[in-house]
C-alpha atoms as a PDB file:
ATOM      1  CA  MET A   1     -70.728 -45.843 -25.515  1.00  0.00           C
ATOM      2  CA  SER A   2     -70.108 -42.303 -23.683  1.00  0.00           C
ATOM      3  CA  ASN A   3     -69.617 -39.008 -25.669  1.00  0.00           C
ATOM      4  CA  ASN A   4     -65.915 -39.246 -23.856  1.00  0.00           C
ATOM      5  CA  THR A   5     -65.315 -42.633 -25.662  1.00  0.00           C
ATOM      6  CA  GLY A   6     -66.600 -41.599 -28.752  1.00  0.00           C
ATOM      7  CA  ALA A   7     -64.316 -38.578 -28.968  1.00  0.00           C
ATOM      8  CA  ALA A   8     -61.403 -40.903 -27.743  1.00  0.00           C
ATOM      9  CA  ARG A   9     -62.264 -43.349 -30.573  1.00  0.00           C
ATOM     10  CA  ASN A  10     -62.360 -40.579 -33.189  1.00  0.00           C
ATOM     11  CA  SER A  11     -58.941 -39.143 -32.045  1.00  0.00           C
ATOM     12  CA  PHE A  12     -57.415 -42.752 -32.045  1.00  0.00           C
ATOM     13  CA  ARG A  13     -58.796 -43.288 -35.548  1.00  0.00           C
ATOM     14  CA  SER A  14     -57.031 -40.117 -36.653  1.00  0.00           C
ATOM     15  CA  LYS A  15     -53.981 -41.157 -35.207  1.00  0.00           C
ATOM     16  CA  LEU A  16     -54.069 -44.630 -36.750  1.00  0.00           C
ATOM     17  CA  LEU A  17     -54.614 -43.296 -40.170  1.00  0.00           C
ATOM     18  CA  CYS A  18     -51.546 -41.146 -39.574  1.00  0.00           C
ATOM     19  CA  LEU A  19     -49.503 -43.928 -38.394  1.00  0.00           C
ATOM     20  CA  ASN A  20     -50.575 -46.082 -41.419  1.00  0.00           C
ATOM     21  CA  PHE A  21     -49.644 -43.172 -43.554  1.00  0.00           C
ATOM     22  CA  THR A  22     -46.069 -42.993 -42.189  1.00  0.00           C
ATOM     23  CA  ALA A  23     -45.619 -46.352 -42.068  1.00  0.00           C
ATOM     24  CA  ALA A  24     -46.088 -46.461 -45.848  1.00  0.00           C
ATOM     25  CA  VAL A  25     -43.486 -43.872 -46.547  1.00  0.00           C
ATOM     26  CA  ALA A  26     -40.750 -45.296 -44.073  1.00  0.00           C
ATOM     27  CA  PHE A  27     -38.597 -48.237 -45.177  1.00  0.00           C
ATOM     28  CA  LEU A  28     -40.559 -51.590 -44.631  1.00  0.00           C
ATOM     29  CA  ASN A  29     -37.369 -54.052 -44.885  1.00  0.00           C
ATOM     30  CA  THR A  30     -35.752 -52.463 -41.882  1.00  0.00           C
ATOM     31  CA  ARG A  31     -35.809 -54.973 -38.391  1.00  0.00           C
ATOM     32  CA  ARG A  32     -36.958 -51.937 -36.538  1.00  0.00           C
ATOM     33  CA  MET A  33     -40.013 -51.284 -38.760  1.00  0.00           C
ATOM     34  CA  MET A  34     -41.119 -54.921 -38.652  1.00  0.00           C
ATOM     35  CA  GLU A  35     -41.113 -54.330 -34.956  1.00  0.00           C
ATOM     36  CA  TYR A  36     -43.301 -51.440 -34.960  1.00  0.00           C
ATOM     37  CA  LEU A  37     -45.489 -52.998 -37.363  1.00  0.00           C
ATOM     38  CA  LEU A  38     -46.041 -56.037 -34.922  1.00  0.00           C
ATOM     39  CA  LEU A  39     -46.706 -53.797 -31.896  1.00  0.00           C
ATOM     40  CA  LEU A  40     -49.374 -51.980 -33.951  1.00  0.00           C
ATOM     41  CA  ILE A  41     -51.189 -54.958 -34.536  1.00  0.00           C
ATOM     42  CA  ILE A  42     -51.052 -55.758 -30.983  1.00  0.00           C
ATOM     43  CA  LEU A  43     -52.341 -52.178 -30.211  1.00  0.00           C
ATOM     44  CA  VAL A  44     -55.350 -52.351 -32.437  1.00  0.00           C
ATOM     45  CA  THR A  45     -56.349 -55.976 -31.525  1.00  0.00           C
ATOM     46  CA  VAL A  46     -56.408 -54.684 -27.836  1.00  0.00           C
ATOM     47  CA  ALA A  47     -58.155 -51.485 -28.757  1.00  0.00           C
ATOM     48  CA  VAL A  48     -61.244 -53.497 -30.220  1.00  0.00           C
ATOM     49  CA  ALA A  49     -61.305 -55.797 -27.395  1.00  0.00           C
ATOM     50  CA  ASP A  50     -61.690 -52.702 -24.864  1.00  0.00           C
ATOM     51  CA  PRO A  51     -62.710 -49.449 -26.492  1.00  0.00           C
ATOM     52  CA  CYS A  52     -62.877 -47.440 -23.124  1.00  0.00           C
ATOM     53  CA  LYS A  53     -61.709 -43.927 -22.991  1.00  0.00           C
ATOM     54  CA  GLU A  54     -59.010 -45.146 -20.360  1.00  0.00           C
ATOM     55  CA  GLN A  55     -57.729 -47.806 -22.553  1.00  0.00           C
ATOM     56  CA  LEU A  56     -57.913 -45.620 -26.065  1.00  0.00           C
ATOM     57  CA  ASP A  57     -56.145 -42.856 -24.215  1.00  0.00           C
ATOM     58  CA  ARG A  58     -53.110 -45.223 -23.519  1.00  0.00           C
ATOM     59  CA  ILE A  59     -53.205 -46.819 -26.764  1.00  0.00           C
ATOM     60  CA  GLU A  60     -53.021 -43.223 -28.280  1.00  0.00           C
ATOM     61  CA  GLY A  61     -49.895 -42.309 -26.210  1.00  0.00           C
ATOM     62  CA  LYS A  62     -48.204 -45.489 -27.765  1.00  0.00           C
ATOM     63  CA  ILE A  63     -49.061 -44.726 -30.981  1.00  0.00           C
ATOM     64  CA  ASP A  64     -47.497 -41.053 -30.594  1.00  0.00           C
ATOM     65  CA  SER A  65     -44.557 -42.782 -29.456  1.00  0.00           C
ATOM     66  CA  LEU A  66     -44.565 -45.027 -32.529  1.00  0.00           C
ATOM     67  CA  LEU A  67     -45.071 -41.847 -34.683  1.00  0.00           C
ATOM     68  CA  SER A  68     -42.236 -40.247 -33.379  1.00  0.00           C
ATOM     69  CA  GLY A  69     -39.880 -43.344 -33.775  1.00  0.00           C
ATOM     70  CA  LEU A  70     -41.216 -43.888 -37.466  1.00  0.00           C
ATOM     71  CA  GLN A  71     -40.445 -40.002 -38.325  1.00  0.00           C
ATOM     72  CA  GLU A  72     -36.895 -40.256 -37.021  1.00  0.00           C
ATOM     73  CA  ILE A  73     -36.522 -43.680 -39.604  1.00  0.00           C
ATOM     74  CA  HIS A  74     -37.853 -41.674 -42.362  1.00  0.00           C
ATOM     75  CA  THR A  75     -36.086 -38.607 -41.806  1.00  0.00           C
ATOM     76  CA  CYS A  76     -32.638 -40.394 -41.055  1.00  0.00           C
ATOM     77  CA  SER A  77     -33.525 -42.367 -44.264  1.00  0.00           C
ATOM     78  CA  CYS A  78     -34.075 -39.479 -46.394  1.00  0.00           C
ATOM     79  CA  ASN A  79     -31.439 -37.266 -45.210  1.00  0.00           C
ATOM     80  CA  THR A  80     -28.717 -39.849 -45.725  1.00  0.00           C
ATOM     81  CA  PRO A  81     -26.532 -38.541 -48.701  1.00  0.00           C
ATOM     82  CA  GLN A  82     -26.209 -40.895 -51.600  1.00  0.00           C
ATOM     83  CA  THR A  83     -22.824 -42.017 -52.685  1.00  0.00           C
ATOM     84  CA  SER A  84     -21.853 -40.914 -56.137  1.00  0.00           C
ATOM     85  CA  CYS A  85     -20.442 -43.266 -58.603  1.00  0.00           C
ATOM     86  CA  LEU A  86     -17.241 -41.797 -58.880  1.00  0.00           C
ATOM     87  CA  GLU A  87     -17.214 -41.553 -55.197  1.00  0.00           C
ATOM     88  CA  ASN A  88     -18.001 -45.418 -54.490  1.00  0.00           C
ATOM     89  CA  SER A  89     -14.444 -47.183 -54.787  1.00  0.00           C
ATOM     90  CA  GLU A  90     -16.297 -50.642 -54.854  1.00  0.00           C
ATOM     91  CA  ALA A  91     -17.959 -49.351 -58.311  1.00  0.00           C
ATOM     92  CA  LEU A  92     -14.846 -48.858 -59.973  1.00  0.00           C
ATOM     93  CA  VAL A  93     -14.327 -52.242 -61.683  1.00  0.00           C
ATOM     94  CA  ALA A  94     -11.365 -51.820 -63.530  1.00  0.00           C
ATOM     95  CA  TYR A  95      -8.934 -48.855 -64.384  1.00  0.00           C
ATOM     96  CA  TYR A  96      -6.058 -48.795 -67.109  1.00  0.00           C
ATOM     97  CA  SER A  97      -3.942 -45.461 -66.951  1.00  0.00           C
ATOM     98  CA  PHE A  98      -1.281 -46.811 -68.929  1.00  0.00           C
ATOM     99  CA  ASN A  99       1.018 -44.415 -66.955  1.00  0.00           C
ATOM    100  CA  ASP A 100       3.623 -46.765 -65.742  1.00  0.00           C
ATOM    101  CA  ASP A 101       5.990 -49.537 -66.544  1.00  0.00           C
ATOM    102  CA  ASP A 102       3.136 -51.973 -65.408  1.00  0.00           C
ATOM    103  CA  THR A 103       1.343 -50.642 -68.153  1.00  0.00           C
ATOM    104  CA  LEU A 104      -1.357 -53.257 -68.655  1.00  0.00           C
ATOM    105  CA  ASN A 105      -1.987 -53.795 -64.803  1.00  0.00           C
ATOM    106  CA  ASP A 106      -5.220 -52.910 -63.492  1.00  0.00           C
ATOM    107  CA  ASP A 107      -4.859 -49.725 -61.351  1.00  0.00           C
ATOM    108  CA  SER A 108      -8.126 -50.256 -59.620  1.00  0.00           C
ATOM    109  CA  GLY A 109      -6.671 -52.814 -57.292  1.00  0.00           C
ATOM    110  CA  ASN A 110      -8.954 -55.578 -58.380  1.00  0.00           C
ATOM    111  CA  GLY A 111      -6.333 -57.344 -60.229  1.00  0.00           C
ATOM    112  CA  ARG A 112      -7.960 -57.533 -64.034  1.00  0.00           C
ATOM    113  CA  ASN A 113      -4.605 -57.170 -65.685  1.00  0.00           C
ATOM    114  CA  GLY A 114      -4.498 -57.192 -69.579  1.00  0.00           C
ATOM    115  CA  VAL A 115      -1.984 -59.040 -71.817  1.00  0.00           C
ATOM    116  CA  ALA A 116      -0.890 -57.436 -75.303  1.00  0.00           C
ATOM    117  CA  SER A 117      -0.466 -59.302 -78.359  1.00  0.00           C
ATOM    118  CA  GLY A 118       0.773 -57.831 -81.680  1.00  0.00           C
ATOM    119  CA  ASN A 119       2.230 -54.512 -82.177  1.00  0.00           C
ATOM    120  CA  VAL A 120       1.041 -52.271 -79.027  1.00  0.00           C
ATOM    121  CA  GLN A 121       3.704 -49.909 -77.413  1.00  0.00           C
ATOM    122  CA  ARG A 122       3.513 -47.601 -74.672  1.00  0.00           C
ATOM    123  CA  TYR A 123       3.758 -44.049 -75.395  1.00  0.00           C
ATOM    124  CA  SER A 124       4.527 -40.942 -73.331  1.00  0.00           C
ATOM    125  CA  GLY A 125       5.445 -37.242 -73.764  1.00  0.00           C
ATOM    126  CA  GLY A 126       2.366 -35.812 -74.862  1.00  0.00           C
ATOM    127  CA  PRO A 127       1.010 -32.277 -74.601  1.00  0.00           C
ATOM    128  CA  GLN A 128       0.294 -31.567 -70.758  1.00  0.00           C
ATOM    129  CA  GLY A 129      -3.577 -31.126 -70.434  1.00  0.00           C
ATOM    130  CA  LEU A 130      -4.551 -34.062 -72.427  1.00  0.00           C
ATOM    131  CA  PRO A 131      -4.623 -37.414 -72.312  1.00  0.00           C
ATOM    132  CA  GLY A 132      -1.249 -39.365 -73.190  1.00  0.00           C
ATOM    133  CA  ALA A 133       0.973 -36.951 -71.347  1.00  0.00           C
ATOM    134  CA  GLY A 134       1.586 -39.419 -68.465  1.00  0.00           C
ATOM    135  CA  GLY A 135       1.311 -42.369 -71.044  1.00  0.00           C
ATOM    136  CA  ALA A 136      -0.954 -44.239 -73.207  1.00  0.00           C
ATOM    137  CA  LEU A 137      -0.954 -47.011 -75.433  1.00  0.00           C
ATOM    138  CA  HIS A 138       0.024 -46.702 -79.282  1.00  0.00           C
ATOM    139  CA  PHE A 139      -1.915 -49.274 -81.418  1.00  0.00           C
ATOM    140  CA  GLN A 140      -0.624 -49.552 -85.244  1.00  0.00           C
ATOM    141  CA  GLY A 141      -2.929 -51.841 -86.731  1.00  0.00           C
ATOM    142  CA  SER A 142      -2.209 -55.259 -85.701  1.00  0.00           C
ATOM    143  CA  GLY A 143      -1.898 -55.496 -82.062  1.00  0.00           C
ATOM    144  CA  LYS A 144      -4.657 -55.399 -78.989  1.00  0.00           C
ATOM    145  CA  VAL A 145      -4.827 -56.004 -75.226  1.00  0.00           C
ATOM    146  CA  ASP A 146      -7.286 -58.777 -73.814  1.00  0.00           C
ATOM    147  CA  VAL A 147      -8.421 -59.170 -70.249  1.00  0.00           C
ATOM    148  CA  ASP A 148      -9.560 -62.725 -69.774  1.00  0.00           C
ATOM    149  CA  ALA A 149     -10.876 -61.721 -66.295  1.00  0.00           C
ATOM    150  CA  PHE A 150     -13.807 -60.421 -67.943  1.00  0.00           C
ATOM    151  CA  ARG A 151     -14.993 -63.587 -69.813  1.00  0.00           C
ATOM    152  CA  ASN A 152     -18.565 -64.474 -68.524  1.00  0.00           C
ATOM    153  CA  PHE A 153     -18.553 -61.215 -66.468  1.00  0.00           C
ATOM    154  CA  GLN A 154     -21.753 -60.500 -64.688  1.00  0.00           C
ATOM    155  CA  TRP A 155     -22.270 -57.035 -65.933  1.00  0.00           C
ATOM    156  CA  GLY A 156     -25.971 -56.868 -64.419  1.00  0.00           C
ATOM    157  CA  SER A 157     -28.013 -53.786 -65.013  1.00  0.00           C
ATOM    158  CA  LYS A 158     -25.745 -50.838 -64.068  1.00  0.00           C
ATOM    159  CA  PHE A 159     -22.534 -50.398 -66.240  1.00  0.00           C
ATOM    160  CA  SER A 160     -20.484 -47.502 -67.417  1.00  0.00           C
ATOM    161  CA  VAL A 161     -17.321 -47.337 -69.550  1.00  0.00           C
ATOM    162  CA  SER A 162     -14.857 -44.234 -69.953  1.00  0.00           C
ATOM    163  CA  VAL A 163     -12.208 -44.016 -72.466  1.00  0.00           C
ATOM    164  CA  TRP A 164      -9.844 -41.420 -74.320  1.00  0.00           C
ATOM    165  CA  PHE A 165      -8.934 -42.270 -77.729  1.00  0.00           C
ATOM    166  CA  ARG A 166      -7.000 -40.489 -80.776  1.00  0.00           C
ATOM    167  CA  ARG A 167      -7.595 -42.224 -84.298  1.00  0.00           C
ATOM    168  CA  THR A 168      -4.742 -41.814 -86.603  1.00  0.00           C
ATOM    169  CA  GLY A 169      -4.793 -43.939 -89.646  1.00  0.00           C
ATOM    170  CA  GLY A 170      -6.654 -47.121 -91.119  1.00  0.00           C
ATOM    171  CA  PHE A 171      -9.823 -44.747 -92.137  1.00  0.00           C
ATOM    172  CA  GLY A 172     -11.054 -47.224 -94.753  1.00  0.00           C
ATOM    173  CA  ASN A 173     -11.729 -49.860 -91.883  1.00  0.00           C
ATOM    174  CA  TYR A 174     -13.998 -50.470 -89.230  1.00  0.00           C
ATOM    175  CA  GLN A 175     -11.697 -50.428 -85.901  1.00  0.00           C
ATOM    176  CA  GLY A 176     -12.672 -51.689 -82.355  1.00  0.00           C
ATOM    177  CA  ILE A 177     -11.974 -48.766 -79.768  1.00  0.00           C
ATOM    178  CA  ILE A 178     -12.722 -51.176 -76.480  1.00  0.00           C
ATOM    179  CA  GLY A 179     -15.487 -53.895 -75.920  1.00  0.00           C
ATOM    180  CA  ASN A 180     -16.305 -57.318 -74.623  1.00  0.00           C
ATOM    181  CA  GLY A 181     -16.977 -59.031 -77.861  1.00  0.00           C
ATOM    182  CA  TYR A 182     -18.202 -57.933 -81.339  1.00  0.00           C
ATOM    183  CA  HIS A 183     -21.691 -56.787 -82.646  1.00  0.00           C
ATOM    184  CA  THR A 184     -23.666 -59.867 -81.720  1.00  0.00           C
ATOM    185  CA  SER A 185     -20.793 -61.931 -79.813  1.00  0.00           C
ATOM    186  CA  GLY A 186     -20.240 -59.490 -77.259  1.00  0.00           C
ATOM    187  CA  SER A 187     -21.947 -57.881 -74.415  1.00  0.00           C
ATOM    188  CA  TRP A 188     -20.992 -53.890 -75.216  1.00  0.00           C
ATOM    189  CA  GLU A 189     -18.853 -52.348 -77.565  1.00  0.00           C
ATOM    190  CA  VAL A 190     -17.551 -48.932 -78.820  1.00  0.00           C
ATOM    191  CA  ARG A 191     -16.124 -49.150 -82.330  1.00  0.00           C
ATOM    192  CA  MET A 192     -15.359 -46.511 -85.132  1.00  0.00           C
ATOM    193  CA  GLY A 193     -16.048 -47.076 -88.674  1.00  0.00           C
ATOM    194  CA  ARG A 194     -14.951 -46.099 -92.120  1.00  0.00           C
ATOM    195  CA  GLU A 195     -18.011 -43.810 -92.884  1.00  0.00           C
ATOM    196  CA  ASN A 196     -17.402 -40.212 -93.006  1.00  0.00           C
ATOM    197  CA  ASN A 197     -13.749 -40.498 -93.808  1.00  0.00           C
ATOM    198  CA  GLY A 198     -13.274 -43.100 -91.067  1.00  0.00           C
ATOM    199  CA  GLN A 199     -14.581 -40.372 -88.376  1.00  0.00           C
ATOM    200  CA  MET A 200     -18.168 -42.374 -87.949  1.00  0.00           C
ATOM    201  CA  LEU A 201     -18.291 -43.544 -84.048  1.00  0.00           C
ATOM    202  CA  GLY A 202     -20.828 -45.958 -82.595  1.00  0.00           C
ATOM    203  CA  GLY A 203     -21.469 -48.308 -79.861  1.00  0.00           C
ATOM    204  CA  GLY A 204     -24.350 -49.848 -77.447  1.00  0.00           C
ATOM    205  CA  VAL A 205     -25.172 -52.764 -75.156  1.00  0.00           C
ATOM    206  CA  VAL A 206     -26.423 -56.560 -75.493  1.00  0.00           C
ATOM    207  CA  THR A 207     -29.490 -57.613 -73.506  1.00  0.00           C
ATOM    208  CA  SER A 208     -32.324 -59.864 -73.640  1.00  0.00           C
ATOM    209  CA  ASP A 209     -34.351 -57.509 -76.005  1.00  0.00           C
ATOM    210  CA  ASN A 210     -31.512 -55.858 -77.693  1.00  0.00           C
ATOM    211  CA  PRO A 211     -29.210 -58.719 -79.646  1.00  0.00           C
ATOM    212  CA  VAL A 212     -26.927 -56.127 -81.220  1.00  0.00           C
ATOM    213  CA  THR A 213     -24.831 -53.109 -80.021  1.00  0.00           C
ATOM    214  CA  TRP A 214     -25.243 -50.571 -82.577  1.00  0.00           C
ATOM    215  CA  ASN A 215     -27.701 -48.648 -80.229  1.00  0.00           C
ATOM    216  CA  TYR A 216     -25.618 -45.057 -81.324  1.00  0.00           C
ATOM    217  CA  VAL A 217     -24.358 -44.856 -84.500  1.00  0.00           C
ATOM    218  CA  ASN A 218     -23.325 -42.118 -86.987  1.00  0.00           C
ATOM    219  CA  LEU A 219     -21.654 -40.197 -84.539  1.00  0.00           C
ATOM    220  CA  VAL A 220     -18.592 -38.030 -85.581  1.00  0.00           C
ATOM    221  CA  ALA A 221     -15.265 -38.108 -83.928  1.00  0.00           C
ATOM    222  CA  GLU A 222     -12.743 -36.147 -85.673  1.00  0.00           C
ATOM    223  CA  LYS A 223      -9.522 -38.068 -86.915  1.00  0.00           C
ATOM    224  CA  ASN A 224      -6.108 -37.180 -85.249  1.00  0.00           C
ATOM    225  CA  THR A 225      -7.704 -35.710 -82.368  1.00  0.00           C
ATOM    226  CA  TRP A 226      -8.272 -36.813 -78.765  1.00  0.00           C
ATOM    227  CA  HIS A 227     -11.877 -37.617 -77.658  1.00  0.00           C
ATOM    228  CA  HIS A 228     -13.325 -38.479 -74.720  1.00  0.00           C
ATOM    229  CA  VAL A 229     -16.220 -41.061 -74.711  1.00  0.00           C
ATOM    230  CA  VAL A 230     -18.530 -42.328 -72.075  1.00  0.00           C
ATOM    231  CA  MET A 231     -21.268 -44.955 -72.496  1.00  0.00           C
ATOM    232  CA  THR A 232     -23.679 -45.563 -69.613  1.00  0.00           C
ATOM    233  CA  TYR A 233     -26.647 -48.183 -68.818  1.00  0.00           C
ATOM    234  CA  ASN A 234     -28.943 -48.102 -65.820  1.00  0.00           C
ATOM    235  CA  GLY A 235     -31.113 -51.038 -66.944  1.00  0.00           C
ATOM    236  CA  SER A 236     -33.437 -49.128 -69.303  1.00  0.00           C
ATOM    237  CA  ASP A 237     -31.623 -46.354 -70.514  1.00  0.00           C
ATOM    238  CA  THR A 238     -28.267 -46.129 -72.455  1.00  0.00           C
ATOM    239  CA  SER A 239     -26.365 -42.917 -72.708  1.00  0.00           C
ATOM    240  CA  PHE A 240     -23.598 -41.979 -75.030  1.00  0.00           C
ATOM    241  CA  TYR A 241     -21.251 -39.007 -74.390  1.00  0.00           C
ATOM    242  CA  LEU A 242     -18.757 -37.460 -76.816  1.00  0.00           C
ATOM    243  CA  ASP A 243     -16.483 -34.939 -75.527  1.00  0.00           C
ATOM    244  CA  ASN A 244     -18.878 -34.235 -72.808  1.00  0.00           C
ATOM    245  CA  GLN A 245     -21.752 -33.828 -75.207  1.00  0.00           C
ATOM    246  CA  LYS A 246     -24.919 -36.099 -74.698  1.00  0.00           C
ATOM    247  CA  GLN A 247     -25.302 -37.689 -77.930  1.00  0.00           C
ATOM    248  CA  ALA A 248     -28.552 -38.757 -79.836  1.00  0.00           C
ATOM    249  CA  GLY A 249     -29.512 -42.138 -80.339  1.00  0.00           C
ATOM    250  CA  ALA A 250     -31.729 -45.402 -79.280  1.00  0.00           C
ATOM    251  CA  HIS A 251     -31.311 -44.496 -75.594  1.00  0.00           C
ATOM    252  CA  ASP A 252     -34.649 -46.627 -74.755  1.00  0.00           C
ATOM    253  CA  CYS A 253     -33.230 -49.737 -76.747  1.00  0.00           C
ATOM    254  CA  CYS A 254     -32.365 -52.108 -73.915  1.00  0.00           C
ATOM    255  CA  HIS A 255     -33.772 -53.373 -70.491  1.00  0.00           C
ATOM    256  CA  GLY A 256     -32.789 -55.550 -67.784  1.00  0.00           C
ATOM    257  CA  ASP A 257     -28.947 -57.232 -67.167  1.00  0.00           C
ATOM    258  CA  ILE A 258     -26.452 -57.021 -69.853  1.00  0.00           C
ATOM    259  CA  ILE A 259     -25.964 -60.509 -71.136  1.00  0.00           C
ATOM    260  CA  PRO A 260     -22.487 -62.041 -70.144  1.00  0.00           C
ATOM    261  CA  LYS A 261     -20.431 -63.600 -73.091  1.00  0.00           C
ATOM    262  CA  ASN A 262     -17.428 -66.083 -72.818  1.00  0.00           C
ATOM    263  CA  THR A 263     -15.207 -63.337 -74.319  1.00  0.00           C
ATOM    264  CA  PRO A 264     -12.448 -61.091 -72.876  1.00  0.00           C
ATOM    265  CA  LEU A 265     -12.454 -57.353 -72.518  1.00  0.00           C
ATOM    266  CA  THR A 266     -10.773 -56.086 -75.811  1.00  0.00           C
ATOM    267  CA  ILE A 267      -8.854 -52.765 -76.115  1.00  0.00           C
ATOM    268  CA  GLY A 268      -7.619 -51.980 -79.577  1.00  0.00           C
ATOM    269  CA  LYS A 269      -9.699 -54.112 -81.703  1.00  0.00           C
ATOM    270  CA  ALA A 270     -13.358 -54.955 -82.252  1.00  0.00           C
ATOM    271  CA  GLY A 271     -13.533 -57.969 -79.948  1.00  0.00           C
ATOM    272  CA  VAL A 272     -13.541 -61.044 -81.610  1.00  0.00           C
ATOM    273  CA  GLY A 273     -14.323 -59.685 -85.069  1.00  0.00           C
ATOM    274  CA  HIS A 274     -12.578 -59.579 -88.336  1.00  0.00           C
ATOM    275  CA  GLY A 275      -9.090 -59.139 -88.592  1.00  0.00           C
ATOM    276  CA  ALA A 276      -8.853 -56.086 -90.335  1.00  0.00           C
ATOM    277  CA  GLU A 277     -10.509 -54.137 -87.463  1.00  0.00           C
ATOM    278  CA  TYR A 278      -7.439 -53.148 -85.204  1.00  0.00           C
ATOM    279  CA  PHE A 279      -7.138 -49.892 -83.779  1.00  0.00           C
ATOM    280  CA  VAL A 280      -4.759 -47.329 -85.226  1.00  0.00           C
ATOM    281  CA  GLY A 281      -3.903 -44.744 -83.192  1.00  0.00           C
ATOM    282  CA  PHE A 282      -3.855 -44.181 -79.253  1.00  0.00           C
ATOM    283  CA  ILE A 283      -6.224 -44.993 -76.425  1.00  0.00           C
ATOM    284  CA  ASP A 284      -5.690 -43.903 -72.752  1.00  0.00           C
ATOM    285  CA  GLU A 285      -7.574 -43.686 -69.281  1.00  0.00           C
ATOM    286  CA  VAL A 286      -9.801 -46.826 -69.739  1.00  0.00           C
ATOM    287  CA  ARG A 287     -12.273 -46.966 -66.824  1.00  0.00           C
ATOM    288  CA  LEU A 288     -15.248 -49.491 -66.034  1.00  0.00           C
ATOM    289  CA  TYR A 289     -17.896 -48.981 -63.364  1.00  0.00           C
ATOM    290  CA  SER A 290     -20.649 -51.233 -62.063  1.00  0.00           C
ATOM    291  CA  CYS A 291     -22.800 -48.038 -61.966  1.00  0.00           C
ATOM    292  CA  ALA A 292     -24.316 -45.422 -64.471  1.00  0.00           C
ATOM    293  CA  LEU A 293     -22.432 -42.666 -64.239  1.00  0.00           C
ATOM    294  CA  SER A 294     -24.387 -38.950 -64.315  1.00  0.00           C
ATOM    295  CA  ALA A 295     -23.785 -35.986 -66.429  1.00  0.00           C
ATOM    296  CA  ASP A 296     -22.037 -34.240 -63.709  1.00  0.00           C
ATOM    297  CA  GLU A 297     -19.772 -37.206 -63.434  1.00  0.00           C
ATOM    298  CA  VAL A 298     -18.883 -37.585 -67.084  1.00  0.00           C
ATOM    299  CA  ASP A 299     -18.165 -33.646 -67.170  1.00  0.00           C
ATOM    300  CA  THR A 300     -15.833 -34.557 -63.802  1.00  0.00           C
ATOM    301  CA  LEU A 301     -13.854 -37.195 -66.024  1.00  0.00           C
ATOM    302  CA  TYR A 302     -13.849 -34.986 -68.983  1.00  0.00           C
ATOM    303  CA  GLY A 303     -12.595 -31.942 -67.144  1.00  0.00           C
ATOM    304  CA  ALA A 304      -9.676 -33.972 -65.422  1.00  0.00           C
ATOM    305  CA  PHE A 305      -7.801 -33.321 -68.630  1.00  0.00           C
ATOM    306  CA  ILE A 306      -9.497 -30.501 -70.532  1.00  0.00           C
ATOM    307  CA  ASN A 307      -9.262 -28.071 -67.381  1.00  0.00           C
ATOM    308  CA  SER A 308      -5.615 -29.275 -65.751  1.00  0.00           C
END
């Protein structure tokens, strides 16, 4: 083998290493990427069969072209902006604003409408800049709203719930705010207790390695005051926000999909739990997402009222 051929082979090897590295960081599941890899195999096969300088030079030119194409794919993929949870309209699973005459309708357009039973009334006329100004539901300890469309719902491994509430009575009882069941019988819940003079708040999700919902417990939500709660889950981490502040709890409790249960979404009662665990107070602006809201997005939802 001549010196020229040896130098060409060294150059070829360097380009081949570069191509392999670039391919490793590109998106291998694209059709274009697979076509590039197939062509690479052909080129290497030809190079091994005929290692003369002229042939290596031609193949090196082909590799330069492949590198350019792969870099284009990688740059395009890396620079594509990621759609946030709030900006993705398909991520909004259900939304109940309680602002109009069709109070229990799903404002997301997904048709997951609720049905009230017991003493549930629409309330409006609250202070501007706070939930309830445009409308809210008033629960008086014997009513609830069920959404049967969430029976056996596939929650998956990405989930968020956002809700505003104001507890005004029944401080000696546990009271459900919103959930898809009760403790072990549901998929997730946010509920208040009788501890700390009825100001205890908690909740969580149910997965295969976490059969109960109280991953966050003993949080304090002052009575007779509007509060904002957001609970998120991303498949391995559960976060709980109270009034835009991230709370301490068993955030790494759960892994994998949230387990679906044959229970409706219930607003204003602790799921299918005890009859005494109806909510007393006001609930507003219920949102469910099929993604995990970020801290900035939680701030956006909270600021929509506090900063208005």
